[in-house]
Amino acid sequence: MDKLNPGPANLLSACDAREAIARGLLSSQDLVEACFARIDELEGSIGAWAHLDKAVAIEQAQAADDIRFRGKPMGALHGLPVGIKDIIDTADYPTERGTVLHQGRRPERDATLVSLLKEAGAIILGKTVSTEMAVYSPGKTRNPHNLEHTPGGSSSGSAAAVAAAMVPFAVGTQTNGSVIRPASYCGVYGFKPSFARISRHGVLTQSPPLDTIGVFSRTLEDLALIADVLMRFDAQDGAMTPVAPPCIGSFLTEEVPACPHFAFVRTPVWDQVEAITKDGFREIIEEVNQRQEKTIDILDLPPAFDELHEDHRKVMEADLARNFADEYSRGKDDLSVVLREMIERGQRVSDSDYDNAIARKGDYDALLQDILDEYDAILTPATPGPAPAGIDATGSPVMNTIWTFCGTPALNVPLLQTPEGLPFGVQVVGAKDDDARLFRTTRWLLDILND
């Protein structure tokens, strides 16, 4: 960062802002105020935020600046603002979960992930808009690239806030396609880690076998920065196991030991993919294979995967029926039609059908692992196409369902756009619990394409 001509601080990447703060070229308060200036400029049209309190955020920033001034230890995210999806508990802000049924809800304690962010020195800038109960009924958020198009969901506000440079990174969740889809539509990087690698304690429960915390940023390096802070064991999340953190940031800078080998996977829902997406992937495959011999193979998944989307639906909707039973019983008329119908379908899923779907999950995992034993990563569309016109729906998550159900890590890489400037992404999928290698492989792919 040039001390004499720093430019708008809100446009800095998180890594650059962190360096500027550490060197004394930028204060956390200046960065937070630049973010709020951007919010003041664009929030009226985009609607990315559910709750903001400038005084609370500035107080956090001033405390961070005081820590640096006094020469005290600084965390990995010292002085950097973060947006938090409004289904994640925060003691300083309401957490209303995108529904009038939780209007005015004020948690007494932070979710584990929020505590980890604060421990690393981050500034909680505010709460970003979630769709209703993090399912399909959209909130107020619009796509920053075209206000007449959806930003995706359910982490709509997190993706839009990062895309509009209101905040350098944000946190979301994914139970089907709620991180990768809005990242694709809004043209930012998105990361859904391996299942149970970021604590869900203090986060709205939809479906325990599927719910995953994810993050958004404008660079791959920023994703690694925040992911390394959040990927820590928490005994309060019963799905987590005490394993060593992946140290993605350091792994990202390493050279790949050999040229990666990719499988381009069309998935069983290829008929739903738009022509512009197919053309974009054809160009990427041709370019990469031309520059690095035959690096990308075209591969179809085994026929067994034809049933996965239905298995995912049964598990997700049955769990919604269980976990949203209170909201349904005390206020179903205040729920959207789409959520009410999902809950009612879930009520009809038998225990045996649910158990069978969960049992088949192991079969899918094994088949997918066989593929990822041969290939370094899978390439597939992040979404069927760019963000659809209209803001009454959030687009289709069908390109994300397989990877969520199997718990594999996935990245959205914003590589494609329409002639009108609407972005859409390339989804890179890695082997379960091999998140750091996925980042390094993706870095190699970007270097090849940008060479």
Protein backbone atom coordinates (compact mmCIF):
# COMPACT_ATOMS: atom_id res chain seq x y z
CA MET A 1 0.00 0.00 0.00
CA ASP A 2 1.34 3.43 -1.01
CA LYS A 3 1.35 5.66 2.09
CA LEU A 4 0.98 8.79 -0.05
CA ASN A 5 -1.80 7.42 -2.26
CA PRO A 6 -3.56 4.61 -0.47
CA GLY A 7 -6.81 4.79 -2.46
CA PRO A 8 -10.16 3.81 -0.94
CA ALA A 9 -9.37 1.50 1.96
CA ASN A 10 -12.53 -0.57 1.41
CA LEU A 11 -11.16 -1.71 -1.96
CA LEU A 12 -8.10 -3.32 -0.38
CA SER A 13 -7.96 -7.07 -0.09
CA ALA A 14 -7.99 -8.35 3.47
CA CYS A 15 -4.35 -9.42 3.18
CA ASP A 16 -3.27 -5.98 1.91
CA ALA A 17 -5.31 -4.22 4.58
CA ARG A 18 -3.78 -6.40 7.28
CA GLU A 19 -0.27 -5.51 6.08
CA ALA A 20 -1.14 -1.81 5.92
CA ILE A 21 -2.49 -1.89 9.47
CA ALA A 22 0.57 -3.78 10.75
CA ARG A 23 2.91 -1.23 9.11
CA GLY A 24 1.00 1.74 10.45
CA LEU A 25 -0.12 2.91 7.00
CA LEU A 26 -3.79 2.39 7.80
CA SER A 27 -5.82 2.35 10.99
CA SER A 28 -8.60 -0.10 11.64
CA GLN A 29 -10.90 2.84 12.33
CA ASP A 30 -10.14 4.34 8.90
CA LEU A 31 -10.82 0.97 7.25
CA VAL A 32 -14.13 0.51 9.08
CA GLU A 33 -15.19 4.06 8.26
CA ALA A 34 -14.34 3.45 4.57
CA CYS A 35 -16.54 0.36 4.64
CA PHE A 36 -19.39 2.34 6.18
CA ALA A 37 -18.97 5.06 3.55
CA ARG A 38 -19.39 2.40 0.89
CA ILE A 39 -22.41 0.99 2.73
CA ASP A 40 -23.95 4.47 2.90
CA GLU A 41 -23.42 4.79 -0.84
CA LEU A 42 -24.86 1.44 -1.97
CA GLU A 43 -26.89 -0.20 0.78
CA GLY A 44 -30.11 1.55 -0.23
CA SER A 45 -30.05 -0.21 -3.59
CA ILE A 46 -28.34 -3.53 -2.72
CA GLY A 47 -29.75 -4.29 0.74
CA ALA A 48 -26.96 -6.59 1.92
CA TRP A 49 -27.25 -5.89 5.66
CA ALA A 50 -29.80 -6.99 8.23
CA HIS A 51 -28.24 -5.19 11.22
CA LEU A 52 -25.59 -2.47 11.43
CA ASP A 53 -24.34 -0.42 14.38
CA LYS A 54 -21.58 1.95 13.36
CA ALA A 55 -20.85 2.97 16.94
CA VAL A 56 -20.28 -0.65 18.00
CA ALA A 57 -18.02 -1.32 15.01
CA ILE A 58 -16.01 1.89 15.50
CA GLU A 59 -15.54 1.06 19.18
CA GLN A 60 -14.11 -2.33 18.19
CA ALA A 61 -11.81 -0.68 15.63
CA GLN A 62 -10.53 1.89 18.13
CA ALA A 63 -9.74 -0.91 20.58
CA ALA A 64 -7.82 -2.73 17.82
CA ASP A 65 -5.85 0.42 17.02
CA ASP A 66 -5.03 0.89 20.69
CA ILE A 67 -3.70 -2.67 20.88
CA ARG A 68 -1.36 -1.99 17.97
CA PHE A 69 -0.29 1.39 19.37
CA ARG A 70 0.64 -0.23 22.68
CA GLY A 71 2.63 -2.97 20.93
CA LYS A 72 0.44 -5.80 22.21
CA PRO A 73 0.10 -9.10 20.28
CA MET A 74 -2.09 -8.91 17.19
CA GLY A 75 -4.13 -11.74 15.74
CA ALA A 76 -4.26 -12.93 12.14
CA LEU A 77 -7.28 -10.71 11.36
CA HIS A 78 -6.29 -7.74 13.49
CA GLY A 79 -8.45 -4.72 12.69
CA LEU A 80 -10.18 -6.32 9.70
CA PRO A 81 -13.99 -6.03 9.37
CA VAL A 82 -16.13 -9.12 8.74
CA GLY A 83 -19.81 -9.56 7.88
CA ILE A 84 -21.74 -12.32 9.69
CA LYS A 85 -24.80 -14.06 8.25
CA ASP A 86 -27.89 -13.35 10.31
CA ILE A 87 -28.42 -16.96 11.40
CA ILE A 88 -25.14 -16.91 13.38
CA ASP A 89 -25.43 -15.77 16.99
CA THR A 90 -23.74 -12.49 17.97
CA ALA A 91 -23.91 -10.88 21.39
CA ASP A 92 -23.45 -7.36 19.98
CA TYR A 93 -26.16 -7.54 17.31
CA PRO A 94 -29.59 -9.14 16.89
CA THR A 95 -29.81 -12.53 15.17
CA GLU A 96 -33.27 -12.71 13.60
CA ARG A 97 -32.71 -15.53 11.10
CA GLY A 98 -34.51 -13.86 8.23
CA THR A 99 -38.00 -14.35 9.70
CA VAL A 100 -40.53 -12.30 11.64
CA LEU A 101 -40.83 -15.28 13.99
CA HIS A 102 -37.44 -14.36 15.46
CA GLN A 103 -37.80 -10.59 15.25
CA GLY A 104 -36.02 -8.91 18.15
CA ARG A 105 -34.03 -12.02 19.08
CA ARG A 106 -30.84 -11.01 20.96
CA PRO A 107 -28.43 -13.85 21.79
CA GLU A 108 -26.51 -13.55 25.04
CA ARG A 109 -23.37 -15.20 23.65
CA ASP A 110 -21.44 -15.29 20.40
CA ALA A 111 -21.33 -18.39 18.25
CA THR A 112 -17.99 -20.18 18.46
CA LEU A 113 -16.93 -18.91 15.04
CA VAL A 114 -17.65 -15.31 16.06
CA SER A 115 -15.51 -15.79 19.18
CA LEU A 116 -12.70 -17.14 17.02
CA LEU A 117 -12.93 -14.11 14.73
CA LYS A 118 -12.78 -11.74 17.70
CA GLU A 119 -9.86 -13.66 19.19
CA ALA A 120 -8.02 -13.13 15.89
CA GLY A 121 -8.70 -9.39 16.14
CA ALA A 122 -11.51 -9.10 13.58
CA ILE A 123 -14.12 -6.35 13.73
CA ILE A 124 -17.71 -7.63 13.49
CA LEU A 125 -19.07 -5.01 11.10
CA GLY A 126 -22.68 -6.21 11.18
CA LYS A 127 -25.14 -8.95 10.26
CA THR A 128 -25.72 -9.77 6.60
CA VAL A 129 -29.09 -10.68 5.14
CA SER A 130 -30.14 -14.33 5.11
CA THR A 131 -33.08 -15.77 3.25
CA GLU A 132 -35.93 -16.92 5.49
CA MET A 133 -34.45 -19.40 8.00
CA ALA A 134 -31.57 -19.88 5.49
CA VAL A 135 -33.78 -21.75 3.03
CA TYR A 136 -35.24 -20.46 -0.27
CA SER A 137 -37.54 -17.47 0.32
CA PRO A 138 -35.40 -14.42 -0.52
CA GLY A 139 -34.70 -11.39 1.61
CA LYS A 140 -34.21 -7.82 0.39
CA THR A 141 -30.75 -8.29 -1.15
CA ARG A 142 -30.13 -7.60 -4.85
CA ASN A 143 -27.23 -8.56 -7.09
CA PRO A 144 -24.58 -5.79 -7.11
CA HIS A 145 -23.84 -6.44 -10.80
CA ASN A 146 -27.47 -5.97 -11.85
CA LEU A 147 -30.10 -4.98 -9.32
CA GLU A 148 -32.81 -6.77 -11.29
CA HIS A 149 -31.12 -10.15 -10.78
CA THR A 150 -30.95 -12.39 -7.72
CA PRO A 151 -27.76 -12.49 -5.64
CA GLY A 152 -28.48 -16.14 -4.86
CA GLY A 153 -29.11 -17.56 -1.42
CA SER A 154 -29.28 -18.28 1.31
CA SER A 155 -26.09 -16.34 2.18
CA SER A 156 -27.22 -13.54 -0.10
CA GLY A 157 -26.13 -10.57 2.00
CA SER A 158 -22.66 -11.99 2.69
CA ALA A 159 -21.89 -12.50 -1.00
CA ALA A 160 -23.36 -9.17 -2.08
CA ALA A 161 -21.58 -7.19 0.65
CA VAL A 162 -18.20 -8.61 -0.37
CA ALA A 163 -18.90 -8.14 -4.09
CA ALA A 164 -19.86 -4.49 -3.51
CA ALA A 165 -16.66 -3.85 -1.48
CA MET A 166 -18.65 -3.07 1.65
CA VAL A 167 -16.48 -5.52 3.61
CA PRO A 168 -13.38 -7.54 2.66
CA PHE A 169 -14.83 -10.86 3.71
CA ALA A 170 -17.96 -12.41 5.21
CA VAL A 171 -19.25 -15.65 6.70
CA GLY A 172 -22.18 -17.72 5.42
CA THR A 173 -23.59 -21.23 5.63
CA GLN A 174 -24.43 -24.01 3.18
CA THR A 175 -26.89 -26.90 3.51
CA ASN A 176 -27.37 -27.29 -0.23
CA GLY A 177 -25.84 -24.46 -2.29
CA SER A 178 -25.98 -21.43 -0.03
CA VAL A 179 -22.31 -20.38 -0.22
CA ILE A 180 -21.14 -21.48 -3.66
CA ARG A 181 -24.30 -20.31 -5.49
CA PRO A 182 -24.32 -16.68 -4.26
CA ALA A 183 -20.54 -16.51 -4.67
CA SER A 184 -21.01 -17.53 -8.30
CA TYR A 185 -23.84 -15.09 -8.96
CA CYS A 186 -22.08 -12.18 -7.24
CA GLY A 187 -18.65 -12.85 -8.77
CA VAL A 188 -16.62 -13.44 -5.60
CA TYR A 189 -14.59 -16.31 -4.20
CA GLY A 190 -16.54 -18.68 -1.98
CA PHE A 191 -15.34 -21.61 0.11
CA LYS A 192 -17.41 -24.46 1.52
CA PRO A 193 -14.98 -26.49 3.65
CA SER A 194 -15.10 -30.19 4.27
CA PHE A 195 -18.02 -31.13 6.49
CA ALA A 196 -17.53 -30.42 10.20
CA ARG A 197 -14.32 -28.41 9.81
CA ILE A 198 -15.80 -25.14 11.15
CA SER A 199 -17.89 -25.14 14.33
CA ARG A 200 -21.64 -24.72 14.00
CA HIS A 201 -22.20 -24.09 17.71
CA GLY A 202 -24.41 -21.01 17.99
CA VAL A 203 -25.64 -21.30 14.38
CA LEU A 204 -29.22 -22.05 13.33
CA THR A 205 -29.61 -25.80 12.85
CA GLN A 206 -31.27 -26.92 9.61
CA SER A 207 -29.85 -30.38 8.90
CA PRO A 208 -27.03 -31.67 11.13
CA PRO A 209 -25.60 -34.10 8.50
CA LEU A 210 -25.40 -31.28 5.93
CA ASP A 211 -25.01 -27.85 7.59
CA THR A 212 -21.60 -26.33 6.82
CA ILE A 213 -20.06 -22.92 7.53
CA GLY A 214 -18.45 -21.14 4.58
CA VAL A 215 -16.69 -17.86 3.76
CA PHE A 216 -16.58 -15.22 1.02
CA SER A 217 -13.85 -12.86 -0.18
CA ARG A 218 -12.53 -11.12 -3.27
CA THR A 219 -9.26 -13.10 -3.43
CA LEU A 220 -8.20 -16.69 -2.89
CA GLU A 221 -5.58 -15.57 -0.38
CA ASP A 222 -8.23 -13.82 1.72
CA LEU A 223 -10.30 -17.00 1.80
CA ALA A 224 -7.29 -18.87 3.15
CA LEU A 225 -6.68 -16.17 5.74
CA ILE A 226 -10.13 -16.33 7.31
CA ALA A 227 -10.51 -20.10 6.87
CA ASP A 228 -7.34 -20.73 8.86
CA VAL A 229 -8.80 -18.73 11.74
CA LEU A 230 -12.11 -20.59 11.72
CA MET A 231 -11.00 -24.18 11.14
CA ARG A 232 -10.40 -25.02 14.79
CA PHE A 233 -11.81 -27.90 16.83
CA ASP A 234 -14.82 -27.16 19.03
CA ALA A 235 -16.16 -29.92 21.28
CA GLN A 236 -19.51 -28.13 21.38
CA ASP A 237 -20.11 -29.24 17.78
CA GLY A 238 -20.56 -32.99 18.10
CA ALA A 239 -19.71 -33.65 14.45
CA MET A 240 -16.19 -32.25 14.80
CA THR A 241 -13.10 -34.31 15.59
CA PRO A 242 -9.88 -33.02 17.19
CA VAL A 243 -7.52 -33.01 14.20
CA ALA A 244 -4.70 -30.70 13.22
CA PRO A 245 -5.78 -27.52 11.39
CA PRO A 246 -5.05 -27.54 7.64
CA CYS A 247 -2.83 -24.38 7.59
CA ILE A 248 -4.24 -23.40 4.22
CA GLY A 249 -2.37 -20.10 3.95
CA SER A 250 1.09 -21.64 4.10
CA PHE A 251 0.08 -24.55 1.87
CA LEU A 252 -1.30 -22.11 -0.71
CA THR A 253 2.14 -20.65 -1.36
CA GLU A 254 3.83 -24.01 -1.96
CA GLU A 255 4.62 -25.26 -5.43
CA VAL A 256 2.58 -28.23 -6.61
CA PRO A 257 4.78 -31.36 -6.61
CA ALA A 258 3.46 -32.35 -10.05
CA CYS A 259 1.12 -31.01 -12.68
CA PRO A 260 -2.41 -31.47 -11.28
CA HIS A 261 -4.86 -33.73 -13.05
CA PHE A 262 -8.49 -32.54 -13.17
CA ALA A 263 -11.75 -34.34 -13.89
CA PHE A 264 -14.39 -32.20 -15.53
CA VAL A 265 -17.63 -33.65 -14.14
CA ARG A 266 -20.92 -32.84 -15.81
CA THR A 267 -23.07 -34.44 -13.03
CA PRO A 268 -26.50 -36.06 -13.57
CA VAL A 269 -28.18 -32.63 -13.91
CA TRP A 270 -26.14 -31.53 -16.92
CA ASP A 271 -29.38 -31.01 -18.86
CA GLN A 272 -30.14 -28.07 -16.54
CA VAL A 273 -26.87 -26.29 -17.36
CA GLU A 274 -27.21 -23.30 -19.68
CA ALA A 275 -25.49 -23.07 -23.05
CA ILE A 276 -23.34 -20.11 -21.99
CA THR A 277 -21.94 -22.18 -19.12
CA LYS A 278 -21.19 -25.15 -21.36
CA ASP A 279 -19.42 -22.84 -23.82
CA GLY A 280 -17.40 -21.26 -21.03
CA PHE A 281 -16.21 -24.59 -19.70
CA ARG A 282 -15.37 -25.80 -23.18
CA GLU A 283 -13.06 -22.80 -23.59
CA ILE A 284 -11.43 -23.33 -20.20
CA ILE A 285 -10.80 -27.02 -20.86
CA GLU A 286 -9.33 -26.30 -24.29
CA GLU A 287 -7.10 -23.51 -22.97
CA VAL A 288 -5.75 -25.47 -20.01
CA ASN A 289 -5.16 -28.64 -22.05
CA GLN A 290 -3.41 -26.62 -24.75
CA ARG A 291 -1.06 -24.97 -22.25
CA GLN A 292 -0.36 -28.07 -20.15
CA GLU A 293 -0.95 -31.05 -22.43
CA LYS A 294 -3.96 -33.14 -21.37
CA THR A 295 -4.58 -31.94 -17.84
CA ILE A 296 -8.38 -32.06 -17.77
CA ASP A 297 -10.35 -35.24 -18.52
CA ILE A 298 -14.11 -35.27 -19.11
CA LEU A 299 -15.79 -37.68 -16.73
CA ASP A 300 -19.34 -38.78 -15.95
CA LEU A 301 -20.26 -39.89 -12.45
CA PRO A 302 -21.40 -43.51 -11.91
CA PRO A 303 -25.16 -44.13 -12.37
CA ALA A 304 -25.60 -44.44 -8.60
CA PHE A 305 -25.37 -40.65 -8.33
CA ASP A 306 -28.65 -40.32 -10.24
CA GLU A 307 -30.46 -40.86 -6.92
CA LEU A 308 -28.38 -38.49 -4.80
CA HIS A 309 -30.46 -35.35 -5.27
CA GLU A 310 -33.56 -37.18 -4.05
CA ASP A 311 -31.65 -38.57 -1.06
CA HIS A 312 -30.46 -35.07 -0.21
CA ARG A 313 -34.01 -33.74 -0.43
CA LYS A 314 -35.33 -36.38 1.96
CA VAL A 315 -32.62 -35.75 4.53
CA MET A 316 -32.81 -31.96 4.33
CA GLU A 317 -36.60 -31.71 4.43
CA ALA A 318 -37.01 -34.30 7.18
CA ASP A 319 -34.49 -32.39 9.27
CA LEU A 320 -36.24 -29.09 8.54
CA ALA A 321 -39.47 -30.64 9.79
CA ARG A 322 -37.76 -31.64 13.02
CA ASN A 323 -35.67 -28.56 13.64
CA PHE A 324 -38.27 -25.99 12.55
CA ALA A 325 -41.16 -27.74 14.35
CA ASP A 326 -41.52 -24.89 16.85
CA GLU A 327 -41.71 -22.22 14.15
CA TYR A 328 -44.22 -24.32 12.22
CA SER A 329 -46.46 -25.00 15.22
CA ARG A 330 -46.55 -21.44 16.56
CA GLY A 331 -46.44 -19.45 13.36
CA LYS A 332 -46.80 -21.45 10.16
CA ASP A 333 -48.93 -18.67 8.65
CA ASP A 334 -45.90 -16.39 8.98
CA LEU A 335 -43.71 -18.81 7.05
CA SER A 336 -43.35 -18.58 3.28
CA VAL A 337 -45.27 -21.06 1.18
CA VAL A 338 -42.04 -22.64 -0.04
CA LEU A 339 -40.70 -23.27 3.47
CA ARG A 340 -44.06 -24.46 4.78
CA GLU A 341 -44.31 -26.98 1.94
CA MET A 342 -40.76 -28.22 2.54
CA ILE A 343 -41.53 -28.78 6.21
CA GLU A 344 -44.76 -30.61 5.36
CA ARG A 345 -42.99 -32.86 2.86
CA GLY A 346 -40.34 -33.50 5.49
CA GLN A 347 -43.02 -34.57 7.96
CA ARG A 348 -43.97 -37.33 5.52
CA VAL A 349 -40.45 -38.76 5.16
CA SER A 350 -40.41 -42.05 7.05
CA ASP A 351 -37.64 -42.97 9.45
CA SER A 352 -36.63 -45.85 7.19
CA ASP A 353 -36.42 -43.63 4.10
CA TYR A 354 -34.31 -41.13 6.05
CA ASP A 355 -32.01 -43.85 7.40
CA ASN A 356 -31.63 -45.40 3.94
CA ALA A 357 -30.69 -42.03 2.43
CA ILE A 358 -28.09 -41.49 5.15
CA ALA A 359 -26.74 -45.02 4.60
CA ARG A 360 -26.36 -44.40 0.85
CA LYS A 361 -24.33 -41.31 1.69
CA GLY A 362 -21.47 -43.65 2.59
CA ASP A 363 -21.75 -45.33 -0.81
CA TYR A 364 -21.58 -41.98 -2.60
CA ASP A 365 -18.60 -40.97 -0.49
CA ALA A 366 -16.71 -44.13 -1.46
CA LEU A 367 -17.42 -43.71 -5.18
CA LEU A 368 -16.38 -40.08 -5.08
CA GLN A 369 -13.20 -40.91 -3.18
CA ASP A 370 -12.28 -43.40 -5.91
CA ILE A 371 -12.41 -40.54 -8.42
CA LEU A 372 -10.44 -38.18 -6.21
CA ASP A 373 -7.80 -40.83 -5.60
CA GLU A 374 -7.07 -40.59 -9.34
CA TYR A 375 -7.59 -36.85 -9.85
CA ASP A 376 -6.32 -33.87 -7.86
CA ALA A 377 -9.64 -32.04 -8.14
CA ILE A 378 -12.98 -31.96 -9.91
CA LEU A 379 -14.08 -29.06 -12.10
CA THR A 380 -17.80 -28.46 -12.55
CA PRO A 381 -20.11 -25.44 -12.86
CA ALA A 382 -20.86 -23.59 -9.65
CA THR A 383 -24.33 -22.76 -10.96
CA PRO A 384 -26.29 -23.71 -14.09
CA GLY A 385 -25.62 -20.22 -15.41
CA PRO A 386 -25.44 -16.58 -14.36
CA ALA A 387 -27.90 -15.14 -11.86
CA PRO A 388 -31.46 -15.35 -13.18
CA ALA A 389 -33.47 -12.19 -13.66
CA GLY A 390 -35.91 -11.37 -10.87
CA ILE A 391 -35.54 -11.18 -7.11
CA ASP A 392 -38.45 -13.42 -6.07
CA ALA A 393 -36.26 -16.56 -6.09
CA THR A 394 -32.60 -17.38 -5.42
CA GLY A 395 -31.70 -19.64 -8.36
CA SER A 396 -30.99 -23.35 -8.51
CA PRO A 397 -28.54 -25.12 -6.15
CA VAL A 398 -28.41 -28.33 -8.21
CA MET A 399 -24.72 -27.96 -9.08
CA ASN A 400 -23.81 -27.93 -5.39
CA THR A 401 -25.97 -30.73 -3.97
CA ILE A 402 -23.57 -33.62 -4.58
CA TRP A 403 -20.61 -31.95 -2.90
CA THR A 404 -22.66 -30.82 0.11
CA PHE A 405 -24.20 -34.25 0.59
CA CYS A 406 -20.79 -35.92 0.39
CA GLY A 407 -19.11 -33.30 2.58
CA THR A 408 -16.27 -32.53 0.18
CA PRO A 409 -14.60 -29.09 0.12
CA ALA A 410 -15.57 -26.80 -2.75
CA LEU A 411 -14.41 -23.42 -4.03
CA ASN A 412 -16.17 -20.98 -6.32
CA VAL A 413 -13.68 -19.27 -8.61
CA PRO A 414 -15.11 -16.21 -10.44
CA LEU A 415 -13.74 -16.89 -13.91
CA LEU A 416 -16.71 -16.44 -16.25
CA GLN A 417 -19.16 -13.69 -17.19
CA THR A 418 -21.85 -12.93 -19.74
CA PRO A 419 -21.41 -10.26 -22.43
CA GLU A 420 -23.60 -8.06 -20.22
CA GLY A 421 -21.18 -8.43 -17.31
CA LEU A 422 -23.03 -10.90 -15.09
CA PRO A 423 -20.48 -13.20 -13.42
CA PHE A 424 -20.73 -16.93 -12.86
CA GLY A 425 -18.20 -19.31 -11.47
CA VAL A 426 -16.13 -22.44 -11.85
CA GLN A 427 -16.54 -24.85 -8.94
CA VAL A 428 -13.40 -26.71 -7.89
CA VAL A 429 -14.00 -29.73 -5.63
CA GLY A 430 -11.39 -31.64 -3.63
CA ALA A 431 -11.19 -34.77 -1.54
CA LYS A 432 -12.79 -34.67 1.89
CA ASP A 433 -10.50 -33.25 4.58
CA ASP A 434 -7.94 -32.22 1.96
CA ASP A 435 -8.94 -28.56 1.95
CA ALA A 436 -5.42 -27.12 1.82
CA ARG A 437 -4.51 -29.18 -1.23
CA LEU A 438 -7.70 -27.93 -2.93
CA PHE A 439 -6.53 -24.34 -2.44
CA ARG A 440 -3.05 -25.09 -3.80
CA THR A 441 -4.49 -26.89 -6.83
CA THR A 442 -6.85 -23.99 -7.50
CA ARG A 443 -3.94 -21.55 -7.25
CA TRP A 444 -2.12 -23.58 -9.93
CA LEU A 445 -5.21 -23.46 -12.18
CA LEU A 446 -5.47 -19.69 -11.83
CA ASP A 447 -1.78 -19.26 -12.60
CA ILE A 448 -2.16 -21.32 -15.78
CA LEU A 449 -5.21 -19.36 -16.93
CA ASN A 450 -3.65 -15.99 -16.10
CA ASP A 451 -0.25 -16.76 -17.61
